[in-house]
């Protein structure tokens, strides 16, 4: 299942900077727009996996996982 997120990107001087609107802390800087988009994808995947593992650890044992859609 693919999820979509919003990347805010802009060029500042010679650098491209960007962040993911829906996930605080996911931001990157690259020399090209293409490199920036790829870095944002990688960083977003890592952040989501880290957050998932942290949530599971915090739950301890005897928990349920449920998919929800908004």
Protein backbone atom coordinates (compact mmCIF):
# COMPACT_ATOMS: atom_id res chain seq x y z
CA UNK A 1 0.00 0.00 0.00
CA UNK A 2 1.51 3.31 -1.09
CA UNK A 3 1.08 6.38 1.05
CA UNK A 4 1.44 9.90 -0.21
CA UNK A 5 3.09 12.78 1.62
CA UNK A 6 3.67 16.40 0.68
CA UNK A 7 7.23 17.57 0.06
CA UNK A 8 7.80 21.30 0.34
CA UNK A 9 10.86 22.15 -1.76
CA UNK A 10 12.65 25.31 -2.78
CA UNK A 11 15.97 26.50 -4.06
CA UNK A 12 18.00 28.73 -1.78
CA UNK A 13 21.14 29.97 -3.45
CA UNK A 14 22.84 26.96 -4.99
CA UNK A 15 21.12 24.47 -2.67
CA UNK A 16 17.73 22.79 -2.79
CA UNK A 17 16.06 22.42 0.61
CA UNK A 18 12.91 20.57 1.49
CA UNK A 19 10.82 18.97 4.18
CA UNK A 20 7.83 16.68 4.50
CA UNK A 21 4.78 18.67 5.54
CA UNK A 22 3.09 15.86 7.49
CA UNK A 23 6.10 14.53 9.42
CA UNK A 24 8.08 16.95 11.61
CA UNK A 25 11.82 16.50 11.49
CA UNK A 26 12.03 15.10 7.96
CA UNK A 27 14.08 17.70 6.12
CA UNK A 28 17.00 17.58 3.72
CA UNK A 29 19.37 19.72 1.66
CA UNK A 30 20.93 18.70 -1.66
CA UNK A 31 22.66 20.21 -4.69
CA UNK A 32 19.90 19.25 -7.15
CA UNK A 33 16.13 18.95 -7.00
CA UNK A 34 16.29 15.28 -8.00
CA UNK A 35 18.81 14.47 -5.24
CA UNK A 36 16.63 16.34 -2.75
CA UNK A 37 13.51 14.36 -3.61
CA UNK A 38 15.41 11.07 -3.31
CA UNK A 39 16.91 12.13 0.06
CA UNK A 40 13.47 13.11 1.33
CA UNK A 41 12.08 9.69 0.35
CA UNK A 42 14.90 7.87 2.13
CA UNK A 43 14.69 10.06 5.22
CA UNK A 44 10.89 9.72 5.39
CA UNK A 45 11.10 5.91 5.18
CA UNK A 46 13.71 5.87 7.95
CA UNK A 47 11.68 8.22 10.16
CA UNK A 48 8.49 6.19 9.74
CA UNK A 49 10.29 2.94 10.57
CA UNK A 50 11.99 4.53 13.59
CA UNK A 51 8.65 5.89 14.84
CA UNK A 52 7.02 2.49 14.32
CA UNK A 53 9.72 0.66 16.28
CA UNK A 54 9.60 3.25 19.05
CA UNK A 55 5.81 2.89 19.35
CA UNK A 56 6.06 -0.91 19.53
CA UNK A 57 8.78 -0.68 22.18
CA UNK A 58 6.73 1.82 24.23
CA UNK A 59 3.67 -0.48 24.09
CA UNK A 60 5.54 -3.30 25.78
CA UNK A 61 3.69 -6.60 25.56
CA UNK A 62 0.08 -7.61 25.03
CA UNK A 63 -0.90 -4.97 22.49
CA UNK A 64 -2.85 -4.91 19.26
CA UNK A 65 -2.04 -3.27 15.97
CA UNK A 66 -4.90 -1.83 13.92
CA UNK A 67 -4.87 -0.14 10.55
CA UNK A 68 -6.82 3.09 10.39
CA UNK A 69 -7.56 5.38 7.48
CA UNK A 70 -8.16 9.10 7.69
